[in-house]
C-alpha atoms as a PDB file:
ATOM      1  CA  MET A   1       0.000   0.000   0.000  1.00  0.00           C
ATOM      2  CA  THR A   2       1.327   3.419  -0.992  1.00  0.00           C
ATOM      3  CA  VAL A   3      -0.874   6.302   0.061  1.00  0.00           C
ATOM      4  CA  VAL A   4       0.016   9.445  -1.858  1.00  0.00           C
ATOM      5  CA  THR A   5      -1.583  12.798  -2.573  1.00  0.00           C
ATOM      6  CA  LEU A   6      -3.536  13.236  -5.796  1.00  0.00           C
ATOM      7  CA  THR A   7      -0.713  15.421  -7.114  1.00  0.00           C
ATOM      8  CA  GLU A   8       1.903  12.770  -6.318  1.00  0.00           C
ATOM      9  CA  ALA A   9      -0.299  10.101  -7.918  1.00  0.00           C
ATOM     10  CA  LYS A  10      -0.527  12.097 -11.156  1.00  0.00           C
ATOM     11  CA  GLU A  11       3.260  12.606 -11.153  1.00  0.00           C
ATOM     12  CA  ARG A  12       3.859   8.868 -10.725  1.00  0.00           C
ATOM     13  CA  ILE A  13       1.321   7.976 -13.407  1.00  0.00           C
ATOM     14  CA  LEU A  14       3.049  10.397 -15.791  1.00  0.00           C
ATOM     15  CA  THR A  15       6.223   8.283 -15.603  1.00  0.00           C
ATOM     16  CA  THR A  16       4.481   4.898 -15.789  1.00  0.00           C
ATOM     17  CA  ALA A  17       4.583   2.813 -18.965  1.00  0.00           C
ATOM     18  CA  ALA A  18       1.440   1.095 -20.243  1.00  0.00           C
ATOM     19  CA  SER A  19       3.139  -2.267 -19.637  1.00  0.00           C
ATOM     20  CA  ARG A  20       3.422  -1.525 -15.880  1.00  0.00           C
ATOM     21  CA  PRO A  21       0.259   0.402 -14.964  1.00  0.00           C
ATOM     22  CA  LEU A  22      -0.739   1.614 -11.524  1.00  0.00           C
ATOM     23  CA  ALA A  23      -4.103   0.988  -9.877  1.00  0.00           C
ATOM     24  CA  ALA A  24      -5.669   3.664  -7.697  1.00  0.00           C
ATOM     25  CA  PHE A  25      -7.981   3.052  -4.751  1.00  0.00           C
ATOM     26  CA  ARG A  26      -9.899   5.495  -2.551  1.00  0.00           C
ATOM     27  CA  THR A  27      -8.723   6.339   0.968  1.00  0.00           C
ATOM     28  CA  ASN A  28     -10.485   8.108   3.818  1.00  0.00           C
ATOM     29  CA  ASN A  29      -8.807  11.357   2.754  1.00  0.00           C
ATOM     30  CA  PRO A  30     -10.216  12.944  -0.449  1.00  0.00           C
ATOM     31  CA  ARG A  31      -6.790  14.410  -1.188  1.00  0.00           C
ATOM     32  CA  GLN A  32      -5.083  11.000  -1.237  1.00  0.00           C
ATOM     33  CA  VAL A  33      -5.270   7.665  -3.046  1.00  0.00           C
ATOM     34  CA  ASP A  34      -3.708   4.275  -2.478  1.00  0.00           C
ATOM     35  CA  LEU A  35      -1.533   3.762  -5.567  1.00  0.00           C
ATOM     36  CA  VAL A  36      -0.208   0.250  -6.253  1.00  0.00           C
ATOM     37  CA  PHE A  37       1.174  -1.771  -9.147  1.00  0.00           C
ATOM     38  CA  ALA A  38      -1.818  -3.058 -11.086  1.00  0.00           C
ATOM     39  CA  ASN A  39      -0.213  -6.293 -12.234  1.00  0.00           C
ATOM     40  CA  THR A  40       0.229  -7.956  -8.834  1.00  0.00           C
ATOM     41  CA  VAL A  41      -1.914 -10.971  -7.971  1.00  0.00           C
ATOM     42  CA  VAL A  42      -3.614  -9.195  -5.051  1.00  0.00           C
ATOM     43  CA  THR A  43      -4.395  -6.091  -7.087  1.00  0.00           C
ATOM     44  CA  GLN A  44      -5.730  -8.137  -9.996  1.00  0.00           C
ATOM     45  CA  ILE A  45      -8.093  -9.956  -7.633  1.00  0.00           C
ATOM     46  CA  LYS A  46      -9.368  -6.622  -6.282  1.00  0.00           C
ATOM     47  CA  ILE A  47      -9.858  -5.279  -9.800  1.00  0.00           C
ATOM     48  CA  ARG A  48     -11.703  -8.398 -10.988  1.00  0.00           C
ATOM     49  CA  GLN A  49     -13.971  -8.303  -7.936  1.00  0.00           C
ATOM     50  CA  VAL A  50     -14.643  -4.602  -8.591  1.00  0.00           C
ATOM     51  CA  HIS A  51     -13.400  -3.585  -5.144  1.00  0.00           C
ATOM     52  CA  GLU A  52     -15.535  -0.753  -3.760  1.00  0.00           C
ATOM     53  CA  ASP A  53     -12.539   1.596  -3.501  1.00  0.00           C
ATOM     54  CA  TYR A  54     -11.123   0.892  -6.973  1.00  0.00           C
ATOM     55  CA  LEU A  55     -10.853   4.090  -9.037  1.00  0.00           C
ATOM     56  CA  GLY A  56      -9.047   2.772 -12.095  1.00  0.00           C
ATOM     57  CA  THR A  57      -5.830   1.576 -13.686  1.00  0.00           C
ATOM     58  CA  PHE A  58      -3.596   4.244 -15.156  1.00  0.00           C
ATOM     59  CA  HIS A  59      -0.357   4.885 -17.044  1.00  0.00           C
ATOM     60  CA  ARG A  60       1.157   7.853 -18.861  1.00  0.00           C
ATOM     61  CA  ASP A  61      -0.950   7.286 -21.997  1.00  0.00           C
ATOM     62  CA  ASN A  62      -4.227   7.678 -20.098  1.00  0.00           C
ATOM     63  CA  LEU A  63      -3.171  10.333 -17.584  1.00  0.00           C
ATOM     64  CA  HIS A  64      -6.023  12.530 -18.830  1.00  0.00           C
ATOM     65  CA  VAL A  65      -8.470   9.867 -17.613  1.00  0.00           C
ATOM     66  CA  ALA A  66      -6.748   9.704 -14.226  1.00  0.00           C
ATOM     67  CA  ARG A  67      -7.022  13.478 -13.850  1.00  0.00           C
ATOM     68  CA  LYS A  68     -10.759  13.328 -14.548  1.00  0.00           C
ATOM     69  CA  VAL A  69     -11.353  10.384 -12.191  1.00  0.00           C
ATOM     70  CA  PHE A  70      -9.349  12.004  -9.386  1.00  0.00           C
ATOM     71  CA  GLN A  71     -11.247  15.280  -9.786  1.00  0.00           C
ATOM     72  CA  GLU A  72     -14.590  13.460  -9.642  1.00  0.00           C
ATOM     73  CA  TYR A  73     -13.402  11.511  -6.573  1.00  0.00           C
ATOM     74  CA  PHE A  74     -12.290  14.706  -4.835  1.00  0.00           C
ATOM     75  CA  ASP A  75     -15.507  16.545  -5.750  1.00  0.00           C
ATOM     76  CA  SER A  76     -17.760  13.705  -4.562  1.00  0.00           C
ATOM     77  CA  LEU A  77     -16.120  13.597  -1.155  1.00  0.00           C
ATOM     78  CA  GLN A  78     -16.246  17.374  -0.811  1.00  0.00           C
ATOM     79  CA  GLU A  79     -19.991  17.332  -1.498  1.00  0.00           C
ATOM     80  CA  ALA A  80     -20.527  14.599   1.092  1.00  0.00           C
ATOM     81  CA  ALA A  81     -18.715  16.592   3.803  1.00  0.00           C
END
């Protein structure tokens, strides 16, 4: 588990190749995500089971999607507060 800020997550995703994507999961803090390698056995199980905190799998070629998902995640938790 690697909990990082949304900014740090975007920076890491920017340097990540499509062959080694990162998976993002919600945390209790709307400014942070749990960012892990997507290709591990444990992460793949969580993704296949559609884990409730799973936000998506990202790499540098789909960073624009990550930005949108993270903004929606942040906005949804701000509205709930």
